[in-house]
Amino acid sequence: GSSVHLHVNAGGKDVVIIVSTMDMTGAQVAALTTGANVQFAFG
């Protein structure tokens, strides 16, 4: 609903990322599908 829970593989490690959909377009949300390549960061 208000967020997408992404289960991603980063260097053989399973990682869960919670992405808020509040500031995303429908196309951006739809792009987060199985097999999509992404990059992530943290503070």
All heavy atoms as atom14 arrays in JSON, in Angstrom:
{
  "sequence": "GSSVHLHVNAGGKDVVIIVSTMDMTGAQVAALTTGANVQFAFG",
  "atom14_mask": [
    [1, 1, 1, 1, 0, 0, 0, 0, 0, 0, 0, 0, 0, 0],
    [1, 1, 1, 1, 1, 1, 0, 0, 0, 0, 0, 0, 0, 0],
    [1, 1, 1, 1, 1, 1, 0, 0, 0, 0, 0, 0, 0, 0],
    [1, 1, 1, 1, 1, 1, 1, 0, 0, 0, 0, 0, 0, 0],
    [1, 1, 1, 1, 1, 1, 1, 1, 1, 1, 0, 0, 0, 0],
    [1, 1, 1, 1, 1, 1, 1, 1, 0, 0, 0, 0, 0, 0],
    [1, 1, 1, 1, 1, 1, 1, 1, 1, 1, 0, 0, 0, 0],
    [1, 1, 1, 1, 1, 1, 1, 0, 0, 0, 0, 0, 0, 0],
    [1, 1, 1, 1, 1, 1, 1, 1, 0, 0, 0, 0, 0, 0],
    [1, 1, 1, 1, 1, 0, 0, 0, 0, 0, 0, 0, 0, 0],
    [1, 1, 1, 1, 0, 0, 0, 0, 0, 0, 0, 0, 0, 0],
    [1, 1, 1, 1, 0, 0, 0, 0, 0, 0, 0, 0, 0, 0],
    [1, 1, 1, 1, 1, 1, 1, 1, 1, 0, 0, 0, 0, 0],
    [1, 1, 1, 1, 1, 1, 1, 1, 0, 0, 0, 0, 0, 0],
    [1, 1, 1, 1, 1, 1, 1, 0, 0, 0, 0, 0, 0, 0],
    [1, 1, 1, 1, 1, 1, 1, 0, 0, 0, 0, 0, 0, 0],
    [1, 1, 1, 1, 1, 1, 1, 1, 0, 0, 0, 0, 0, 0],
    [1, 1, 1, 1, 1, 1, 1, 1, 0, 0, 0, 0, 0, 0],
    [1, 1, 1, 1, 1, 1, 1, 0, 0, 0, 0, 0, 0, 0],
    [1, 1, 1, 1, 1, 1, 0, 0, 0, 0, 0, 0, 0, 0],
    [1, 1, 1, 1, 1, 1, 1, 0, 0, 0, 0, 0, 0, 0],
    [1, 1, 1, 1, 1, 1, 1, 1, 0, 0, 0, 0, 0, 0],
    [1, 1, 1, 1, 1, 1, 1, 1, 0, 0, 0, 0, 0, 0],
    [1, 1, 1, 1, 1, 1, 1, 1, 0, 0, 0, 0, 0, 0],
    [1, 1, 1, 1, 1, 1, 1, 0, 0, 0, 0, 0, 0, 0],
    [1, 1, 1, 1, 0, 0, 0, 0, 0, 0, 0, 0, 0, 0],
    [1, 1, 1, 1, 1, 0, 0, 0, 0, 0, 0, 0, 0, 0],
    [1, 1, 1, 1, 1, 1, 1, 1, 1, 0, 0, 0, 0, 0],
    [1, 1, 1, 1, 1, 1, 1, 0, 0, 0, 0, 0, 0, 0],
    [1, 1, 1, 1, 1, 0, 0, 0, 0, 0, 0, 0, 0, 0],
    [1, 1, 1, 1, 1, 0, 0, 0, 0, 0, 0, 0, 0, 0],
    [1, 1, 1, 1, 1, 1, 1, 1, 0, 0, 0, 0, 0, 0],
    [1, 1, 1, 1, 1, 1, 1, 0, 0, 0, 0, 0, 0, 0],
    [1, 1, 1, 1, 1, 1, 1, 0, 0, 0, 0, 0, 0, 0],
    [1, 1, 1, 1, 0, 0, 0, 0, 0, 0, 0, 0, 0, 0],
    [1, 1, 1, 1, 1, 0, 0, 0, 0, 0, 0, 0, 0, 0],
    [1, 1, 1, 1, 1, 1, 1, 1, 0, 0, 0, 0, 0, 0],
    [1, 1, 1, 1, 1, 1, 1, 0, 0, 0, 0, 0, 0, 0],
    [1, 1, 1, 1, 1, 1, 1, 1, 1, 0, 0, 0, 0, 0],
    [1, 1, 1, 1, 1, 1, 1, 1, 1, 1, 1, 0, 0, 0],
    [1, 1, 1, 1, 1, 0, 0, 0, 0, 0, 0, 0, 0, 0],
    [1, 1, 1, 1, 1, 1, 1, 1, 1, 1, 1, 0, 0, 0],
    [1, 1, 1, 1, 0, 0, 0, 0, 0, 0, 0, 0, 0, 0]
  ],
  "atom14_positions": [
    [[0.82, -1.2, 0.0], [0.0, 0.0, 0.0], [0.85, 1.25, 0.0], [1.24, 1.75, -1.05], [0.0, 0.0, 0.0], [0.0, 0.0, 0.0], [0.0, 0.0, 0.0], [0.0, 0.0, 0.0], [0.0, 0.0, 0.0], [0.0, 0.0, 0.0], [0.0, 0.0, 0.0], [0.0, 0.0, 0.0], [0.0, 0.0, 0.0], [0.0, 0.0, 0.0]],
    [[1.18, 1.74, 1.19], [1.98, 2.97, 1.28], [3.46, 2.7, 1.1], [4.26, 3.63, 1.04], [1.75, 3.66, 2.63], [2.14, 2.81, 3.69], [0.0, 0.0, 0.0], [0.0, 0.0, 0.0], [0.0, 0.0, 0.0], [0.0, 0.0, 0.0], [0.0, 0.0, 0.0], [0.0, 0.0, 0.0], [0.0, 0.0, 0.0], [0.0, 0.0, 0.0]],
    [[3.85, 1.43, 1.02], [5.26, 1.09, 0.83], [5.38, -0.22, 0.05], [4.42, -0.97, -0.08], [5.98, 0.96, 2.19], [5.43, -0.13, 2.92], [0.0, 0.0, 0.0], [0.0, 0.0, 0.0], [0.0, 0.0, 0.0], [0.0, 0.0, 0.0], [0.0, 0.0, 0.0], [0.0, 0.0, 0.0], [0.0, 0.0, 0.0], [0.0, 0.0, 0.0]],
    [[6.59, -0.45, -0.45], [6.92, -1.7, -1.12], [8.05, -2.35, -0.33], [9.05, -1.69, -0.01], [7.37, -1.47, -2.57], [7.74, -2.79, -3.23], [6.31, -0.75, -3.37], [0.0, 0.0, 0.0], [0.0, 0.0, 0.0], [0.0, 0.0, 0.0], [0.0, 0.0, 0.0], [0.0, 0.0, 0.0], [0.0, 0.0, 0.0], [0.0, 0.0, 0.0]],
    [[7.88, -3.62, 0.02], [8.95, -4.37, 0.67], [9.72, -5.12, -0.42], [9.19, -6.03, -1.05], [8.38, -5.36, 1.69], [7.83, -4.69, 2.91], [7.61, -5.35, 4.1], [7.47, -3.41, 3.14], [7.12, -4.51, 5.0], [7.02, -3.33, 4.43], [0.0, 0.0, 0.0], [0.0, 0.0, 0.0], [0.0, 0.0, 0.0], [0.0, 0.0, 0.0]],
    [[10.95, -4.71, -0.64], [11.79, -5.34, -1.65], [12.73, -6.34, -0.99], [13.45, -6.0, -0.05], [12.63, -4.29, -2.39], [11.89, -3.26, -3.26], [12.91, -2.33, -3.9], [11.05, -3.95, -4.32], [0.0, 0.0, 0.0], [0.0, 0.0, 0.0], [0.0, 0.0, 0.0], [0.0, 0.0, 0.0], [0.0, 0.0, 0.0], [0.0, 0.0, 0.0]],
    [[12.71, -7.57, -1.48], [13.68, -8.58, -1.07], [14.7, -8.66, -2.2], [14.37, -9.09, -3.31], [13.0, -9.93, -0.85], [11.97, -9.9, 0.24], [12.19, -10.43, 1.5], [10.71, -9.39, 0.26], [11.12, -10.26, 2.24], [10.2, -9.62, 1.52], [0.0, 0.0, 0.0], [0.0, 0.0, 0.0], [0.0, 0.0, 0.0], [0.0, 0.0, 0.0]],
    [[15.9, -8.2, -1.94], [16.91, -8.12, -2.99], [18.1, -8.99, -2.64], [18.32, -9.34, -1.48], [17.36, -6.66, -3.23], [16.16, -5.76, -3.51], [18.17, -6.12, -2.05], [0.0, 0.0, 0.0], [0.0, 0.0, 0.0], [0.0, 0.0, 0.0], [0.0, 0.0, 0.0], [0.0, 0.0, 0.0], [0.0, 0.0, 0.0], [0.0, 0.0, 0.0]],
    [[18.88, -9.31, -3.68], [20.12, -10.05, -3.5], [21.28, -9.1, -3.77], [21.39, -8.55, -4.87], [20.16, -11.25, -4.46], [21.36, -12.14, -4.22], [22.49, -11.72, -4.4], [21.1, -13.37, -3.81], [0.0, 0.0, 0.0], [0.0, 0.0, 0.0], [0.0, 0.0, 0.0], [0.0, 0.0, 0.0], [0.0, 0.0, 0.0], [0.0, 0.0, 0.0]],
    [[22.11, -8.93, -2.74], [23.26, -8.04, -2.88], [24.52, -8.84, -2.56], [24.8, -9.13, -1.39], [23.14, -6.85, -1.93], [0.0, 0.0, 0.0], [0.0, 0.0, 0.0], [0.0, 0.0, 0.0], [0.0, 0.0, 0.0], [0.0, 0.0, 0.0], [0.0, 0.0, 0.0], [0.0, 0.0, 0.0], [0.0, 0.0, 0.0], [0.0, 0.0, 0.0]],
    [[25.25, -9.23, -3.6], [26.47, -10.01, -3.39], [26.22, -11.33, -2.69], [27.03, -11.76, -1.87], [0.0, 0.0, 0.0], [0.0, 0.0, 0.0], [0.0, 0.0, 0.0], [0.0, 0.0, 0.0], [0.0, 0.0, 0.0], [0.0, 0.0, 0.0], [0.0, 0.0, 0.0], [0.0, 0.0, 0.0], [0.0, 0.0, 0.0], [0.0, 0.0, 0.0]],
    [[25.11, -11.98, -3.01], [24.79, -13.26, -2.4], [24.08, -13.15, -1.06], [23.73, -14.16, -0.45], [0.0, 0.0, 0.0], [0.0, 0.0, 0.0], [0.0, 0.0, 0.0], [0.0, 0.0, 0.0], [0.0, 0.0, 0.0], [0.0, 0.0, 0.0], [0.0, 0.0, 0.0], [0.0, 0.0, 0.0], [0.0, 0.0, 0.0], [0.0, 0.0, 0.0]],
    [[23.87, -11.95, -0.59], [23.2, -11.71, 0.7], [21.77, -11.25, 0.46], [21.52, -10.37, -0.35], [23.97, -10.65, 1.48], [23.37, -10.25, 2.81], [23.65, -11.25, 3.89], [25.09, -11.27, 4.31], [25.32, -12.17, 5.46], [0.0, 0.0, 0.0], [0.0, 0.0, 0.0], [0.0, 0.0, 0.0], [0.0, 0.0, 0.0], [0.0, 0.0, 0.0]],
    [[20.82, -11.86, 1.19], [19.42, -11.43, 1.11], [19.24, -10.16, 1.95], [19.61, -10.12, 3.12], [18.49, -12.52, 1.63], [18.45, -13.74, 0.72], [18.57, -13.54, -0.5], [18.33, -14.87, 1.22], [0.0, 0.0, 0.0], [0.0, 0.0, 0.0], [0.0, 0.0, 0.0], [0.0, 0.0, 0.0], [0.0, 0.0, 0.0], [0.0, 0.0, 0.0]],
    [[18.66, -9.15, 1.33], [18.46, -7.85, 1.98], [17.01, -7.42, 1.79], [16.46, -7.6, 0.7], [19.41, -6.78, 1.39], [19.21, -5.44, 2.08], [20.86, -7.23, 1.49], [0.0, 0.0, 0.0], [0.0, 0.0, 0.0], [0.0, 0.0, 0.0], [0.0, 0.0, 0.0], [0.0, 0.0, 0.0], [0.0, 0.0, 0.0], [0.0, 0.0, 0.0]],
    [[16.41, -6.89, 2.85], [15.04, -6.36, 2.76], [15.11, -4.83, 2.81], [15.79, -4.26, 3.68], [14.15, -6.88, 3.91], [12.74, -6.31, 3.79], [14.09, -8.41, 3.89], [0.0, 0.0, 0.0], [0.0, 0.0, 0.0], [0.0, 0.0, 0.0], [0.0, 0.0, 0.0], [0.0, 0.0, 0.0], [0.0, 0.0, 0.0], [0.0, 0.0, 0.0]],
    [[14.41, -4.2, 1.88], [14.37, -2.73, 1.81], [12.91, -2.3, 1.8], [12.1, -2.85, 1.05], [15.05, -2.21, 0.53], [16.47, -2.75, 0.41], [15.05, -0.69, 0.49], [17.14, -2.44, -0.94], [0.0, 0.0, 0.0], [0.0, 0.0, 0.0], [0.0, 0.0, 0.0], [0.0, 0.0, 0.0], [0.0, 0.0, 0.0], [0.0, 0.0, 0.0]],
    [[12.56, -1.34, 2.66], [11.22, -0.78, 2.65], [11.25, 0.54, 1.91], [11.95, 1.47, 2.31], [10.68, -0.58, 4.09], [10.59, -1.93, 4.8], [9.31, 0.11, 4.06], [10.09, -1.82, 6.24], [0.0, 0.0, 0.0], [0.0, 0.0, 0.0], [0.0, 0.0, 0.0], [0.0, 0.0, 0.0], [0.0, 0.0, 0.0], [0.0, 0.0, 0.0]],
    [[10.52, 0.6, 0.81], [10.51, 1.79, -0.05], [9.13, 2.44, 0.05], [8.11, 1.81, -0.25], [10.81, 1.43, -1.51], [10.84, 2.68, -2.37], [12.13, 0.67, -1.61], [0.0, 0.0, 0.0], [0.0, 0.0, 0.0], [0.0, 0.0, 0.0], [0.0, 0.0, 0.0], [0.0, 0.0, 0.0], [0.0, 0.0, 0.0], [0.0, 0.0, 0.0]],
    [[9.09, 3.71, 0.45], [7.83, 4.43, 0.51], [7.35, 4.75, -0.9], [8.13, 5.16, -1.77], [7.99, 5.73, 1.3], [6.81, 6.51, 1.21], [0.0, 0.0, 0.0], [0.0, 0.0, 0.0], [0.0, 0.0, 0.0], [0.0, 0.0, 0.0], [0.0, 0.0, 0.0], [0.0, 0.0, 0.0], [0.0, 0.0, 0.0], [0.0, 0.0, 0.0]],
    [[6.05, 4.56, -1.14], [5.48, 4.85, -2.47], [4.86, 6.23, -2.53], [4.34, 6.64, -3.57], [4.4, 3.81, -2.82], [3.36, 3.87, -1.83], [4.97, 2.41, -2.86], [0.0, 0.0, 0.0], [0.0, 0.0, 0.0], [0.0, 0.0, 0.0], [0.0, 0.0, 0.0], [0.0, 0.0, 0.0], [0.0, 0.0, 0.0], [0.0, 0.0, 0.0]],
    [[4.93, 6.98, -1.44], [4.24, 8.28, -1.36], [4.75, 9.28, -2.4], [3.99, 10.06, -2.95], [4.38, 8.87, 0.05], [3.84, 7.96, 1.15], [2.1, 7.53, 0.93], [1.34, 9.09, 1.34], [0.0, 0.0, 0.0], [0.0, 0.0, 0.0], [0.0, 0.0, 0.0], [0.0, 0.0, 0.0], [0.0, 0.0, 0.0], [0.0, 0.0, 0.0]],
    [[6.07, 9.25, -2.66], [6.65, 10.23, -3.59], [7.07, 9.58, -4.91], [7.9, 10.12, -5.63], [7.87, 10.91, -2.93], [7.49, 11.65, -1.66], [6.42, 12.3, -1.65], [8.25, 11.57, -0.68], [0.0, 0.0, 0.0], [0.0, 0.0, 0.0], [0.0, 0.0, 0.0], [0.0, 0.0, 0.0], [0.0, 0.0, 0.0], [0.0, 0.0, 0.0]],
    [[6.49, 8.42, -5.22], [6.85, 7.72, -6.45], [5.67, 7.71, -7.41], [4.5, 7.69, -6.99], [7.27, 6.27, -6.14], [8.48, 6.15, -5.24], [8.82, 4.44, -4.76], [9.33, 3.74, -6.33], [0.0, 0.0, 0.0], [0.0, 0.0, 0.0], [0.0, 0.0, 0.0], [0.0, 0.0, 0.0], [0.0, 0.0, 0.0], [0.0, 0.0, 0.0]],
    [[5.97, 7.71, -8.69], [4.92, 7.59, -9.7], [4.54, 6.1, -9.84], [5.29, 5.22, -9.41], [5.4, 8.11, -11.06], [6.46, 7.27, -11.52], [5.87, 9.55, -10.94], [0.0, 0.0, 0.0], [0.0, 0.0, 0.0], [0.0, 0.0, 0.0], [0.0, 0.0, 0.0], [0.0, 0.0, 0.0], [0.0, 0.0, 0.0], [0.0, 0.0, 0.0]],
    [[3.4, 5.87, -10.46], [2.97, 4.5, -10.7], [3.98, 3.73, -11.51], [4.21, 2.53, -11.27], [0.0, 0.0, 0.0], [0.0, 0.0, 0.0], [0.0, 0.0, 0.0], [0.0, 0.0, 0.0], [0.0, 0.0, 0.0], [0.0, 0.0, 0.0], [0.0, 0.0, 0.0], [0.0, 0.0, 0.0], [0.0, 0.0, 0.0], [0.0, 0.0, 0.0]],
    [[4.6, 4.4, -12.48], [5.59, 3.74, -13.34], [6.82, 3.33, -12.54], [7.4, 2.27, -12.75], [5.98, 4.66, -14.49], [0.0, 0.0, 0.0], [0.0, 0.0, 0.0], [0.0, 0.0, 0.0], [0.0, 0.0, 0.0], [0.0, 0.0, 0.0], [0.0, 0.0, 0.0], [0.0, 0.0, 0.0], [0.0, 0.0, 0.0], [0.0, 0.0, 0.0]],
    [[7.24, 4.21, -11.6], [8.41, 3.9, -10.77], [8.14, 2.7, -9.87], [9.0, 1.83, -9.7], [8.79, 5.12, -9.93], [9.41, 6.26, -10.73], [9.63, 7.49, -9.89], [8.79, 7.87, -9.07], [10.78, 8.13, -10.08], [0.0, 0.0, 0.0], [0.0, 0.0, 0.0], [0.0, 0.0, 0.0], [0.0, 0.0, 0.0], [0.0, 0.0, 0.0]],
    [[6.93, 2.65, -9.31], [6.56, 1.51, -8.46], [6.52, 0.24, -9.28], [7.01, -0.82, -8.87], [5.2, 1.76, -7.76], [4.75, 0.52, -7.01], [5.28, 2.96, -6.83], [0.0, 0.0, 0.0], [0.0, 0.0, 0.0], [0.0, 0.0, 0.0], [0.0, 0.0, 0.0], [0.0, 0.0, 0.0], [0.0, 0.0, 0.0], [0.0, 0.0, 0.0]],
    [[5.92, 0.33, -10.47], [5.78, -0.85, -11.34], [7.14, -1.38, -11.79], [7.28, -2.58, -12.09], [4.93, -0.49, -12.55], [0.0, 0.0, 0.0], [0.0, 0.0, 0.0], [0.0, 0.0, 0.0], [0.0, 0.0, 0.0], [0.0, 0.0, 0.0], [0.0, 0.0, 0.0], [0.0, 0.0, 0.0], [0.0, 0.0, 0.0], [0.0, 0.0, 0.0]],
    [[8.14, -0.5, -11.82], [9.48, -0.91, -12.28], [10.2, -1.78, -11.25], [11.18, -2.46, -11.58], [10.32, 0.32, -12.59], [0.0, 0.0, 0.0], [0.0, 0.0, 0.0], [0.0, 0.0, 0.0], [0.0, 0.0, 0.0], [0.0, 0.0, 0.0], [0.0, 0.0, 0.0], [0.0, 0.0, 0.0], [0.0, 0.0, 0.0], [0.0, 0.0, 0.0]],
    [[9.72, -1.75, -10.0], [10.36, -2.53, -8.93], [9.83, -3.96, -8.93], [9.19, -4.41, -7.99], [10.13, -1.86, -7.57], [10.67, -0.44, -7.42], [10.26, 0.16, -6.09], [12.2, -0.44, -7.56], [0.0, 0.0, 0.0], [0.0, 0.0, 0.0], [0.0, 0.0, 0.0], [0.0, 0.0, 0.0], [0.0, 0.0, 0.0], [0.0, 0.0, 0.0]],
    [[10.12, -4.67, -9.99], [9.61, -6.04, -10.15], [10.77, -7.03, -10.04], [11.95, -6.65, -10.04], [8.92, -6.22, -11.51], [9.84, -5.87, -12.55], [7.69, -5.34, -11.6], [0.0, 0.0, 0.0], [0.0, 0.0, 0.0], [0.0, 0.0, 0.0], [0.0, 0.0, 0.0], [0.0, 0.0, 0.0], [0.0, 0.0, 0.0], [0.0, 0.0, 0.0]],
    [[10.42, -8.3, -9.96], [11.43, -9.35, -9.87], [12.4, -9.27, -11.04], [12.0, -9.14, -12.2], [10.75, -10.73, -9.87], [9.87, -10.81, -8.74], [11.78, -11.85, -9.79], [0.0, 0.0, 0.0], [0.0, 0.0, 0.0], [0.0, 0.0, 0.0], [0.0, 0.0, 0.0], [0.0, 0.0, 0.0], [0.0, 0.0, 0.0], [0.0, 0.0, 0.0]],
    [[13.7, -9.28, -10.71], [14.74, -9.21, -11.73], [15.27, -7.82, -11.97], [16.29, -7.67, -12.66], [0.0, 0.0, 0.0], [0.0, 0.0, 0.0], [0.0, 0.0, 0.0], [0.0, 0.0, 0.0], [0.0, 0.0, 0.0], [0.0, 0.0, 0.0], [0.0, 0.0, 0.0], [0.0, 0.0, 0.0], [0.0, 0.0, 0.0], [0.0, 0.0, 0.0]],
    [[14.6, -6.8, -11.44], [15.06, -5.42, -11.66], [16.38, -5.19, -10.95], [16.61, -5.67, -9.84], [14.0, -4.44, -11.14], [0.0, 0.0, 0.0], [0.0, 0.0, 0.0], [0.0, 0.0, 0.0], [0.0, 0.0, 0.0], [0.0, 0.0, 0.0], [0.0, 0.0, 0.0], [0.0, 0.0, 0.0], [0.0, 0.0, 0.0], [0.0, 0.0, 0.0]],
    [[17.28, -4.42, -11.59], [18.56, -4.05, -10.99], [18.4, -2.72, -10.26], [17.86, -1.76, -10.82], [19.65, -3.93, -12.06], [20.0, -5.28, -12.66], [20.27, -6.23, -11.94], [19.99, -5.36, -13.99], [0.0, 0.0, 0.0], [0.0, 0.0, 0.0], [0.0, 0.0, 0.0], [0.0, 0.0, 0.0], [0.0, 0.0, 0.0], [0.0, 0.0, 0.0]],
    [[18.82, -2.69, -9.0], [18.71, -1.47, -8.2], [20.03, -1.24, -7.47], [20.91, -2.11, -7.44], [17.56, -1.58, -7.16], [16.21, -1.7, -7.84], [17.79, -2.76, -6.21], [0.0, 0.0, 0.0], [0.0, 0.0, 0.0], [0.0, 0.0, 0.0], [0.0, 0.0, 0.0], [0.0, 0.0, 0.0], [0.0, 0.0, 0.0], [0.0, 0.0, 0.0]],
    [[20.15, -0.06, -6.9], [21.28, 0.26, -6.02], [20.72, 0.9, -4.76], [19.72, 1.63, -4.81], [22.27, 1.2, -6.71], [22.94, 0.57, -7.93], [24.09, 1.43, -8.45], [25.13, 1.53, -7.83], [23.86, 2.04, -9.61], [0.0, 0.0, 0.0], [0.0, 0.0, 0.0], [0.0, 0.0, 0.0], [0.0, 0.0, 0.0], [0.0, 0.0, 0.0]],
    [[21.35, 0.61, -3.64], [20.85, 1.16, -2.38], [21.99, 1.74, -1.54], [23.17, 1.42, -1.75], [20.07, 0.11, -1.58], [20.88, -1.06, -1.08], [21.62, -0.97, 0.1], [20.9, -2.27, -1.79], [22.35, -2.05, 0.56], [21.63, -3.35, -1.33], [22.37, -3.25, -0.14], [0.0, 0.0, 0.0], [0.0, 0.0, 0.0], [0.0, 0.0, 0.0]],
    [[21.58, 2.6, -0.6], [22.55, 3.25, 0.29], [21.89, 3.44, 1.66], [20.68, 3.24, 1.82], [22.99, 4.59, -0.29], [0.0, 0.0, 0.0], [0.0, 0.0, 0.0], [0.0, 0.0, 0.0], [0.0, 0.0, 0.0], [0.0, 0.0, 0.0], [0.0, 0.0, 0.0], [0.0, 0.0, 0.0], [0.0, 0.0, 0.0], [0.0, 0.0, 0.0]],
    [[22.7, 3.83, 2.63], [22.2, 4.1, 3.98], [23.13, 5.11, 4.65], [24.29, 5.26, 4.26], [22.11, 2.81, 4.8], [23.31, 1.91, 4.66], [24.46, 2.11, 5.41], [23.29, 0.87, 3.74], [25.55, 1.29, 5.27], [24.38, 0.04, 3.58], [25.53, 0.25, 4.35], [0.0, 0.0, 0.0], [0.0, 0.0, 0.0], [0.0, 0.0, 0.0]],
    [[22.61, 5.8, 5.63], [23.38, 6.85, 6.3], [24.18, 6.32, 7.49], [23.85, 5.29, 8.07], [0.0, 0.0, 0.0], [0.0, 0.0, 0.0], [0.0, 0.0, 0.0], [0.0, 0.0, 0.0], [0.0, 0.0, 0.0], [0.0, 0.0, 0.0], [0.0, 0.0, 0.0], [0.0, 0.0, 0.0], [0.0, 0.0, 0.0], [0.0, 0.0, 0.0]]
  ]
}
